[in-house]
N, C-alpha and C. Protein backbone atom coordinates (compact mmCIF):
# COMPACT_ATOMS: atom_id res chain seq x y z
N UNK A 1 4.80 -78.51 -54.58
CA UNK A 1 5.65 -77.96 -53.92
C UNK A 1 6.60 -79.48 -53.51
N UNK A 2 7.56 -79.35 -53.47
CA UNK A 2 8.08 -80.66 -53.73
C UNK A 2 8.57 -81.25 -51.98
N UNK A 3 9.37 -82.03 -51.90
CA UNK A 3 9.82 -83.05 -51.28
C UNK A 3 10.53 -81.52 -50.24
N UNK A 4 11.47 -81.53 -51.09
CA UNK A 4 13.18 -80.96 -50.63
C UNK A 4 12.49 -79.30 -49.84
N UNK A 5 11.72 -78.94 -50.49
CA UNK A 5 10.91 -77.52 -50.12
C UNK A 5 10.34 -77.41 -48.45
N UNK A 6 9.71 -78.55 -48.82
CA UNK A 6 9.17 -78.76 -47.46
C UNK A 6 10.09 -79.32 -46.45
N UNK A 7 11.25 -79.94 -46.76
CA UNK A 7 12.27 -80.36 -45.35
C UNK A 7 13.02 -78.96 -44.98
N UNK A 8 13.34 -78.11 -46.16
CA UNK A 8 13.85 -77.09 -45.89
C UNK A 8 13.04 -76.48 -45.06
N UNK A 9 11.76 -75.94 -45.35
CA UNK A 9 10.79 -74.99 -44.75
C UNK A 9 10.73 -75.63 -43.48
N UNK A 10 10.68 -76.77 -43.07
CA UNK A 10 10.65 -77.39 -41.46
C UNK A 10 11.90 -77.21 -40.91
N UNK A 11 13.09 -76.74 -41.71
CA UNK A 11 14.46 -77.05 -40.62
C UNK A 11 13.92 -75.29 -40.35
N UNK A 12 13.80 -74.85 -41.23
CA UNK A 12 13.90 -73.38 -40.69
C UNK A 12 13.03 -72.82 -40.05
N UNK A 13 11.41 -73.33 -40.04
CA UNK A 13 10.63 -73.28 -38.77
C UNK A 13 11.49 -73.62 -37.40
N UNK A 14 11.91 -74.90 -37.58
CA UNK A 14 12.73 -75.20 -35.89
C UNK A 14 13.69 -74.39 -35.83
N UNK A 15 14.52 -74.62 -36.74
CA UNK A 15 15.51 -73.32 -36.37
C UNK A 15 15.29 -71.88 -35.82
N UNK A 16 14.16 -71.28 -36.53
CA UNK A 16 13.26 -70.49 -35.93
C UNK A 16 12.43 -70.23 -34.40
N UNK A 17 12.17 -71.24 -34.57
CA UNK A 17 11.69 -71.42 -32.78
C UNK A 17 12.48 -71.99 -31.74
N UNK A 18 13.32 -72.45 -32.43
CA UNK A 18 14.85 -73.17 -31.30
C UNK A 18 15.23 -71.43 -30.95
N UNK A 19 15.75 -71.14 -31.80
CA UNK A 19 16.13 -69.50 -31.19
C UNK A 19 15.53 -68.92 -30.75
N UNK A 20 14.42 -68.42 -31.10
CA UNK A 20 13.22 -67.80 -30.30
C UNK A 20 13.26 -68.41 -28.92
N UNK A 21 12.81 -69.53 -28.75
CA UNK A 21 12.81 -70.22 -27.66
C UNK A 21 14.38 -69.43 -26.25
N UNK A 22 15.47 -70.39 -27.35
CA UNK A 22 16.70 -69.53 -26.23
C UNK A 22 16.63 -68.33 -26.39
N UNK A 23 16.62 -67.33 -27.37
CA UNK A 23 16.73 -66.16 -26.89
C UNK A 23 15.67 -65.23 -25.88
N UNK A 24 14.53 -66.28 -25.72
CA UNK A 24 13.72 -65.63 -25.02
C UNK A 24 14.57 -65.52 -23.69
N UNK A 25 14.53 -67.44 -23.73
CA UNK A 25 15.11 -67.80 -22.05
C UNK A 25 16.31 -67.00 -21.84
N UNK A 26 16.88 -66.63 -22.89
CA UNK A 26 18.89 -65.91 -22.39
C UNK A 26 17.65 -64.07 -21.90
N UNK A 27 16.56 -63.66 -22.73
CA UNK A 27 15.99 -62.50 -21.92
C UNK A 27 15.51 -62.39 -20.50
N UNK A 28 15.01 -63.45 -20.24
CA UNK A 28 14.26 -63.84 -18.80
C UNK A 28 15.66 -64.03 -18.01
N UNK A 29 16.36 -64.73 -18.22
CA UNK A 29 17.51 -65.09 -17.54
C UNK A 29 18.24 -63.49 -17.05
N UNK A 30 18.39 -62.48 -17.96
CA UNK A 30 19.05 -61.10 -17.98
C UNK A 30 17.81 -60.52 -17.20
N UNK A 31 16.75 -60.51 -17.54
CA UNK A 31 15.66 -59.73 -16.83
C UNK A 31 16.12 -59.96 -14.97
N UNK A 32 16.27 -61.22 -14.86
CA UNK A 32 16.03 -61.95 -13.64
C UNK A 32 17.68 -61.67 -12.65
N UNK A 33 18.37 -61.77 -13.54
CA UNK A 33 19.95 -61.19 -12.87
C UNK A 33 19.70 -59.45 -12.51
N UNK A 34 19.33 -58.72 -13.51
CA UNK A 34 18.99 -57.48 -12.91
C UNK A 34 17.91 -57.09 -11.74
N UNK A 35 17.22 -57.71 -11.66
CA UNK A 35 16.16 -57.63 -10.78
C UNK A 35 15.72 -58.69 -9.89
N UNK A 36 17.10 -58.99 -9.63
CA UNK A 36 16.85 -61.02 -8.69
C UNK A 36 16.66 -60.25 -7.77
N UNK A 37 17.13 -58.96 -6.61
CA UNK A 37 16.67 -59.11 -5.26
C UNK A 37 15.04 -58.82 -5.18
N UNK A 38 14.17 -58.62 -6.23
CA UNK A 38 12.39 -58.02 -5.75
C UNK A 38 12.14 -59.30 -6.38
N UNK A 39 12.95 -60.38 -7.68
CA UNK A 39 12.18 -61.45 -8.09
C UNK A 39 12.09 -62.79 -7.75
N UNK A 40 13.54 -62.93 -7.06
CA UNK A 40 13.55 -64.22 -6.35
C UNK A 40 12.71 -65.34 -5.80
N UNK A 41 11.94 -64.29 -4.83
CA UNK A 41 10.89 -65.25 -4.11
C UNK A 41 9.76 -66.08 -4.69
N UNK A 42 9.43 -65.23 -5.81
CA UNK A 42 8.27 -66.17 -7.59
C UNK A 42 8.74 -67.52 -7.32
N UNK A 43 7.80 -68.53 -6.98
CA UNK A 43 8.38 -69.66 -7.57
C UNK A 43 9.03 -70.69 -8.82
N UNK A 44 8.04 -69.69 -9.99
CA UNK A 44 8.81 -69.92 -11.32
C UNK A 44 9.96 -69.22 -11.25
N UNK A 45 10.52 -67.80 -10.71
CA UNK A 45 11.92 -67.65 -10.81
C UNK A 45 12.73 -68.24 -9.89
N UNK A 46 12.30 -68.82 -8.79
CA UNK A 46 12.97 -69.60 -7.95
C UNK A 46 13.44 -70.78 -9.45
N UNK A 47 12.92 -71.54 -9.63
CA UNK A 47 13.00 -72.92 -10.94
C UNK A 47 14.07 -72.17 -11.64
N UNK A 48 13.83 -71.44 -12.30
CA UNK A 48 14.63 -70.70 -13.65
C UNK A 48 15.67 -70.52 -12.82
N UNK A 49 15.96 -69.81 -11.50
CA UNK A 49 17.48 -69.02 -11.24
C UNK A 49 17.80 -70.27 -10.70
N UNK A 50 17.49 -71.63 -10.37
CA UNK A 50 18.20 -72.84 -9.86
C UNK A 50 18.90 -73.02 -11.30
N UNK A 51 18.48 -73.13 -12.47
CA UNK A 51 18.86 -73.79 -13.74
C UNK A 51 20.54 -73.04 -14.18
N UNK A 52 20.56 -71.87 -13.22
CA UNK A 52 22.16 -71.42 -14.43
C UNK A 52 22.67 -70.67 -12.42
N UNK A 53 22.35 -71.05 -11.14
CA UNK A 53 22.79 -70.79 -10.56
C UNK A 53 23.76 -72.05 -9.91
N UNK A 54 24.42 -71.71 -8.93
CA UNK A 54 25.28 -73.00 -8.10
C UNK A 54 23.98 -73.46 -7.58
N UNK A 55 24.06 -74.68 -7.31
CA UNK A 55 23.12 -75.65 -6.06
C UNK A 55 23.08 -75.10 -4.70
N UNK A 56 24.37 -74.52 -3.97
CA UNK A 56 24.58 -74.00 -3.02
C UNK A 56 23.62 -72.81 -2.86
N UNK A 57 23.87 -71.78 -3.73
CA UNK A 57 23.06 -70.75 -4.08
C UNK A 57 21.43 -70.84 -3.92
N UNK A 58 21.26 -71.54 -5.07
CA UNK A 58 20.09 -72.17 -5.35
C UNK A 58 19.05 -72.19 -3.73
N UNK A 59 19.90 -73.08 -3.09
CA UNK A 59 18.89 -73.91 -1.62
C UNK A 59 19.14 -72.80 -0.89
N UNK A 60 19.91 -71.92 -0.64
CA UNK A 60 19.85 -70.65 0.41
C UNK A 60 18.83 -69.98 -0.55
N UNK A 61 18.87 -69.64 -1.26
CA UNK A 61 17.59 -68.79 -1.73
C UNK A 61 16.40 -69.61 -1.83
N UNK A 62 16.06 -70.51 -1.47
CA UNK A 62 15.23 -71.33 -1.58
C UNK A 62 14.71 -71.54 0.53
N UNK A 63 15.74 -71.64 1.18
CA UNK A 63 15.48 -71.23 2.33
C UNK A 63 14.77 -69.95 3.13
N UNK A 64 15.70 -69.00 2.51
CA UNK A 64 15.60 -67.57 2.65
C UNK A 64 13.77 -67.03 2.11
N UNK A 65 13.58 -67.57 1.10
CA UNK A 65 12.05 -67.20 0.34
C UNK A 65 11.08 -67.76 1.69
N UNK A 66 11.33 -69.00 1.64
CA UNK A 66 10.54 -69.67 2.49
C UNK A 66 10.33 -69.06 4.03
N UNK A 67 12.17 -68.87 4.36
CA UNK A 67 11.86 -68.51 6.13
C UNK A 67 11.00 -67.13 5.87
N UNK A 68 11.13 -66.31 4.84
CA UNK A 68 10.91 -64.99 4.87
C UNK A 68 8.99 -65.23 4.89
N UNK A 69 8.75 -66.09 3.74
CA UNK A 69 7.14 -66.04 3.77
C UNK A 69 6.95 -66.59 4.70
N UNK A 70 7.80 -67.52 5.24
CA UNK A 70 6.94 -67.89 6.96
C UNK A 70 6.53 -67.28 7.61
N UNK A 71 8.05 -66.65 8.16
CA UNK A 71 8.04 -65.24 9.13
C UNK A 71 6.63 -64.45 9.20
N UNK A 72 6.54 -63.66 7.86
CA UNK A 72 5.76 -63.01 7.53
C UNK A 72 4.10 -63.36 7.25
N UNK A 73 3.71 -64.50 7.46
CA UNK A 73 2.62 -65.44 7.73
C UNK A 73 2.20 -65.78 8.72
N UNK A 74 3.26 -66.04 9.81
CA UNK A 74 3.14 -65.96 11.26
C UNK A 74 2.66 -64.88 11.71
N UNK A 75 3.87 -63.70 11.53
CA UNK A 75 3.64 -61.93 11.71
C UNK A 75 1.91 -61.90 11.80
N UNK A 76 1.36 -61.85 10.14
CA UNK A 76 0.39 -61.83 10.09
C UNK A 76 -0.81 -62.08 10.67
N UNK A 77 -0.44 -63.64 11.27
CA UNK A 77 -1.55 -64.64 11.88
C UNK A 77 -1.90 -64.18 13.45
N UNK A 78 -0.25 -63.92 13.47
CA UNK A 78 0.03 -63.00 14.96
C UNK A 78 -0.61 -62.10 15.52
N UNK A 79 -0.11 -61.37 14.45
CA UNK A 79 -1.10 -59.40 14.74
C UNK A 79 -2.68 -60.11 14.68
N UNK A 80 -2.98 -61.03 13.81
CA UNK A 80 -4.92 -60.79 13.46
C UNK A 80 -5.40 -61.44 14.73
N UNK A 81 -4.41 -62.52 15.47
CA UNK A 81 -4.73 -63.08 16.45
C UNK A 81 -4.93 -62.03 17.52
N UNK A 82 -3.95 -61.27 17.90
CA UNK A 82 -3.63 -60.36 19.13
C UNK A 82 -4.81 -59.32 18.96
N UNK A 83 -4.89 -58.66 17.85
CA UNK A 83 -5.82 -58.15 17.75
C UNK A 83 -7.43 -58.14 17.95
N UNK A 84 -7.63 -59.54 17.33
CA UNK A 84 -9.00 -60.42 17.84
C UNK A 84 -8.92 -60.92 19.49
N UNK A 85 -7.64 -61.09 19.84
CA UNK A 85 -7.95 -61.70 21.17
C UNK A 85 -8.33 -60.55 21.99
N UNK A 86 -7.77 -59.34 21.64
CA UNK A 86 -7.63 -58.11 22.74
C UNK A 86 -9.01 -57.37 22.50
N UNK A 87 -9.70 -57.71 21.51
CA UNK A 87 -11.19 -57.11 21.52
C UNK A 87 -12.10 -57.89 22.06
N UNK A 88 -11.66 -59.63 21.93
CA UNK A 88 -12.45 -60.27 22.83
C UNK A 88 -12.44 -60.33 24.83
N UNK A 89 -11.16 -60.28 24.63
CA UNK A 89 -10.83 -60.26 26.06
C UNK A 89 -11.93 -59.05 26.72
N UNK A 90 -11.42 -57.60 25.84
CA UNK A 90 -11.96 -56.58 26.31
C UNK A 90 -13.42 -56.45 26.28
N UNK A 91 -14.24 -57.59 25.50
CA UNK A 91 -15.52 -57.57 25.51
C UNK A 91 -15.98 -58.33 26.94
N UNK A 92 -14.82 -59.71 26.85
CA UNK A 92 -15.27 -60.38 28.09
C UNK A 92 -15.09 -59.73 29.15
N UNK A 93 -14.14 -58.55 29.54
CA UNK A 93 -13.71 -58.31 30.64
C UNK A 93 -15.65 -57.81 31.32
N UNK A 94 -15.70 -56.77 29.78
CA UNK A 94 -17.21 -56.09 30.12
C UNK A 94 -18.18 -57.21 30.85
N UNK A 95 -18.47 -58.15 29.99
CA UNK A 95 -19.42 -59.00 30.61
C UNK A 95 -18.99 -59.02 31.87
N UNK A 96 -18.08 -59.91 32.47
CA UNK A 96 -17.70 -60.01 33.53
C UNK A 96 -18.00 -58.98 34.76
N UNK A 97 -17.50 -57.93 34.15
CA UNK A 97 -18.07 -56.92 35.21
C UNK A 97 -19.58 -56.53 34.92
N UNK A 98 -20.55 -56.51 34.22
CA UNK A 98 -21.70 -56.95 34.33
C UNK A 98 -22.47 -57.84 35.34
N UNK A 99 -21.81 -58.99 34.79
CA UNK A 99 -22.64 -60.17 35.58
C UNK A 99 -21.84 -60.08 37.11
N UNK A 100 -20.44 -59.44 37.59
CA UNK A 100 -20.65 -59.48 38.73
C UNK A 100 -21.58 -58.18 39.83
N UNK A 101 -21.69 -56.77 38.35
CA UNK A 101 -22.41 -56.48 39.54
C UNK A 101 -24.24 -56.96 39.65
N UNK A 102 -24.19 -57.80 38.70
CA UNK A 102 -25.82 -58.26 38.34
C UNK A 102 -26.00 -59.48 39.96
N UNK A 103 -24.47 -60.32 40.04
CA UNK A 103 -24.83 -61.38 40.71
C UNK A 103 -24.67 -60.30 42.32
N UNK A 104 -23.74 -59.41 42.49
CA UNK A 104 -24.09 -58.78 43.37
C UNK A 104 -24.97 -58.30 44.04
N UNK A 105 -25.87 -57.77 42.93
CA UNK A 105 -27.11 -57.59 43.30
C UNK A 105 -28.54 -58.40 43.75
N UNK A 106 -28.04 -59.52 42.83
CA UNK A 106 -28.89 -60.77 43.53
C UNK A 106 -28.73 -61.39 44.89
N UNK A 107 -27.23 -60.74 44.98
CA UNK A 107 -27.04 -61.91 46.18
C UNK A 107 -27.39 -60.77 47.39
N UNK A 108 -27.51 -59.25 46.81
CA UNK A 108 -28.02 -58.16 48.00
C UNK A 108 -29.86 -58.90 47.90
N UNK A 109 -30.10 -59.26 47.17
CA UNK A 109 -31.98 -59.27 47.34
C UNK A 109 -31.70 -60.67 47.80
N UNK A 110 -30.95 -62.02 47.41
CA UNK A 110 -31.34 -62.95 48.26
C UNK A 110 -31.06 -62.92 50.08
N UNK A 111 -30.64 -62.09 50.26
CA UNK A 111 -30.05 -61.84 51.27
C UNK A 111 -31.35 -60.73 52.84
N UNK A 112 -31.39 -60.33 52.05
CA UNK A 112 -32.85 -59.48 52.31
C UNK A 112 -33.96 -60.71 52.45
N UNK A 113 -34.31 -61.71 51.45
CA UNK A 113 -35.06 -62.33 51.16
C UNK A 113 -34.83 -63.35 52.53
N UNK A 114 -33.78 -63.75 52.91
CA UNK A 114 -33.18 -64.84 53.58
C UNK A 114 -33.85 -64.16 54.94
N UNK A 115 -33.12 -62.83 54.99
CA UNK A 115 -33.58 -61.94 56.45
C UNK A 115 -35.15 -62.31 56.92
N UNK A 116 -35.84 -61.60 55.42
CA UNK A 116 -37.54 -61.75 55.96
C UNK A 116 -37.41 -62.94 56.25
N UNK A 117 -37.59 -64.17 55.38
CA UNK A 117 -38.01 -65.29 55.92
C UNK A 117 -37.19 -66.18 56.96
N UNK A 118 -35.86 -65.80 57.55
CA UNK A 118 -35.82 -65.94 59.15
C UNK A 118 -36.64 -65.30 59.74
N UNK A 119 -36.76 -63.74 59.78
CA UNK A 119 -37.85 -63.50 60.86
C UNK A 119 -39.31 -64.09 60.85
N UNK A 120 -39.90 -64.15 59.56
CA UNK A 120 -41.04 -64.90 59.37
C UNK A 120 -41.00 -66.00 60.21
N UNK A 121 -39.84 -66.99 59.66
CA UNK A 121 -39.85 -68.49 60.71
C UNK A 121 -39.74 -68.26 62.25
N UNK A 122 -38.95 -67.35 62.53
CA UNK A 122 -38.31 -67.10 64.01
C UNK A 122 -40.23 -67.07 64.66
N UNK A 123 -40.92 -66.16 63.85
CA UNK A 123 -42.32 -65.45 64.37
C UNK A 123 -43.14 -67.21 64.84
N UNK A 124 -42.97 -67.85 63.56
CA UNK A 124 -44.17 -68.68 63.65
C UNK A 124 -43.64 -69.97 64.47
N UNK A 125 -41.89 -70.13 64.86
CA UNK A 125 -41.52 -71.00 65.97
C UNK A 125 -42.26 -70.56 67.36
N UNK A 126 -41.82 -69.48 67.48
CA UNK A 126 -42.29 -68.31 68.52
C UNK A 126 -44.31 -68.91 69.23
N UNK A 127 -44.95 -68.53 67.67
CA UNK A 127 -45.99 -68.57 68.41
C UNK A 127 -46.66 -70.43 68.36
N UNK A 128 -45.75 -71.22 67.62
CA UNK A 128 -45.62 -72.64 68.03
C UNK A 128 -45.41 -73.29 69.37
N UNK A 129 -44.62 -72.06 70.10
CA UNK A 129 -43.86 -72.69 71.22
C UNK A 129 -45.29 -72.01 72.41
N UNK A 130 -45.85 -70.87 71.65
CA UNK A 130 -46.65 -70.39 72.68
C UNK A 130 -48.10 -71.40 72.88
N UNK A 131 -48.32 -71.91 71.34
CA UNK A 131 -49.65 -72.69 71.43
C UNK A 131 -49.42 -74.25 71.98
N UNK A 132 -48.31 -74.52 71.87
CA UNK A 132 -48.04 -76.24 71.97
C UNK A 132 -47.31 -76.35 73.55
N UNK A 133 -46.52 -75.66 73.61
CA UNK A 133 -45.73 -75.44 75.40
C UNK A 133 -44.60 -76.10 75.06
N UNK A 134 -44.42 -77.39 74.48
CA UNK A 134 -43.41 -78.39 74.10
C UNK A 134 -43.31 -78.78 73.10
N UNK A 135 -41.82 -80.03 72.94
CA UNK A 135 -41.85 -80.77 71.68
C UNK A 135 -42.96 -81.50 71.65
N UNK A 136 -42.91 -82.12 73.07
CA UNK A 136 -43.61 -83.49 73.25
C UNK A 136 -45.35 -83.27 72.84
N UNK A 137 -45.94 -82.08 72.81
CA UNK A 137 -46.91 -81.62 72.28
C UNK A 137 -47.26 -81.44 71.04
N UNK A 138 -45.98 -80.85 70.55
CA UNK A 138 -46.44 -80.33 69.19
C UNK A 138 -46.13 -81.99 68.63
N UNK A 139 -45.60 -82.66 69.00
CA UNK A 139 -45.30 -83.93 68.09
C UNK A 139 -46.59 -84.99 68.55
N UNK A 140 -47.14 -84.71 69.40
CA UNK A 140 -48.50 -85.53 69.77
C UNK A 140 -49.69 -84.75 68.49
N UNK A 141 -49.75 -83.37 68.27
CA UNK A 141 -50.67 -83.03 67.73
C UNK A 141 -50.44 -83.33 66.00
N UNK A 142 -49.00 -83.48 65.54
CA UNK A 142 -48.51 -83.58 64.47
C UNK A 142 -49.04 -84.60 64.16
N UNK A 143 -48.62 -85.86 64.55
CA UNK A 143 -48.77 -87.73 64.26
C UNK A 143 -50.93 -87.39 64.39
N UNK A 144 -51.45 -86.99 65.37
CA UNK A 144 -52.92 -86.75 65.35
C UNK A 144 -53.32 -86.40 63.86
N UNK A 145 -52.56 -85.66 63.56
CA UNK A 145 -53.04 -84.42 61.94
C UNK A 145 -52.52 -85.47 60.89
N UNK A 146 -51.09 -86.35 61.02
CA UNK A 146 -51.00 -87.05 60.10
C UNK A 146 -51.77 -88.41 60.36
N UNK A 147 -52.07 -88.64 61.05
CA UNK A 147 -52.80 -90.13 61.10
C UNK A 147 -54.82 -89.78 60.25
N UNK A 148 -55.13 -88.49 60.74
CA UNK A 148 -56.06 -88.04 60.20
C UNK A 148 -55.90 -87.82 59.10
N UNK A 149 -54.93 -87.31 58.03
CA UNK A 149 -55.01 -87.25 56.79
C UNK A 149 -54.91 -88.84 56.06
N UNK A 150 -54.07 -89.46 56.89
CA UNK A 150 -53.74 -90.32 56.07
C UNK A 150 -54.98 -91.78 56.16
N UNK A 151 -56.10 -91.64 56.74
CA UNK A 151 -57.11 -91.99 57.56
C UNK A 151 -58.27 -91.45 56.38
N UNK A 152 -58.25 -90.15 55.87
CA UNK A 152 -59.19 -89.40 54.53
C UNK A 152 -58.99 -90.11 53.36
N UNK A 153 -57.49 -90.09 53.57
CA UNK A 153 -56.81 -90.57 51.94
C UNK A 153 -57.29 -91.87 51.62
N UNK A 154 -56.88 -92.73 52.88
CA UNK A 154 -57.21 -94.11 52.50
C UNK A 154 -58.79 -94.41 52.23
N UNK A 155 -59.75 -93.42 53.10
CA UNK A 155 -61.32 -93.64 52.34
C UNK A 155 -61.81 -93.19 50.82
N UNK A 156 -60.93 -92.04 50.45
CA UNK A 156 -60.86 -91.66 49.42
C UNK A 156 -60.16 -92.69 48.58
N UNK A 157 -59.09 -93.51 48.81
CA UNK A 157 -58.78 -94.18 47.68
C UNK A 157 -59.59 -95.48 47.53
N UNK A 158 -60.55 -96.08 48.56
CA UNK A 158 -61.40 -96.93 48.70
C UNK A 158 -62.44 -96.84 48.10
N UNK A 159 -62.86 -95.55 48.16
CA UNK A 159 -64.36 -95.09 47.48
C UNK A 159 -63.57 -95.25 46.03
N UNK A 160 -62.42 -94.71 45.59
CA UNK A 160 -62.17 -95.06 43.46
C UNK A 160 -61.84 -95.91 43.54
N UNK A 161 -61.39 -96.80 44.31
CA UNK A 161 -61.41 -98.15 44.01
C UNK A 161 -62.95 -99.33 43.77
N UNK A 162 -63.59 -98.70 44.57
CA UNK A 162 -64.92 -99.18 44.35
C UNK A 162 -66.04 -98.74 43.25
N UNK A 163 -65.66 -97.42 43.29
CA UNK A 163 -66.19 -96.62 42.13
C UNK A 163 -65.65 -97.29 40.58
N UNK A 164 -64.60 -97.76 40.87
CA UNK A 164 -63.62 -98.39 39.32
C UNK A 164 -64.41 -99.68 39.20
N UNK A 165 -64.44 -100.36 40.24
CA UNK A 165 -65.19 -101.75 39.96
C UNK A 165 -66.72 -101.86 39.35
N UNK A 166 -67.04 -100.79 40.09
CA UNK A 166 -68.66 -101.15 39.19
C UNK A 166 -69.26 -100.54 37.85
């Protein structure tokens, strides 16, 4: 093969590839123009469209597509959050009602228990008043018992201390 044949072959290949790319671009451009309303927000189509659209139109198209995408995304998120929140709120209200019923039951039980303890304490105080007669007698009796208890604890402590020393 001669050098001229190679050169001609390369020129033919270059012209063919250039023509193919050019006509492919023209075909894509025609397809985009024909179906622009449905394809204008595709990022690749926005780029290709900006090559042949006036700058103001491509800027408006970009702004419209981003606005539409953002609006759709926010609407979807708000709907998801709203549905999730409503379900969580209903579950929370049910739990609150259950807890309130349980709290009410516990308050009633506590009230009953406190009334019983009050009655028992009142009876015991009345018995002590009957036994000791006055506050001074009760204090003297209590002092004697505390003194006796303290003395017994001191004896136990001393016995333990003596045992440990041995």
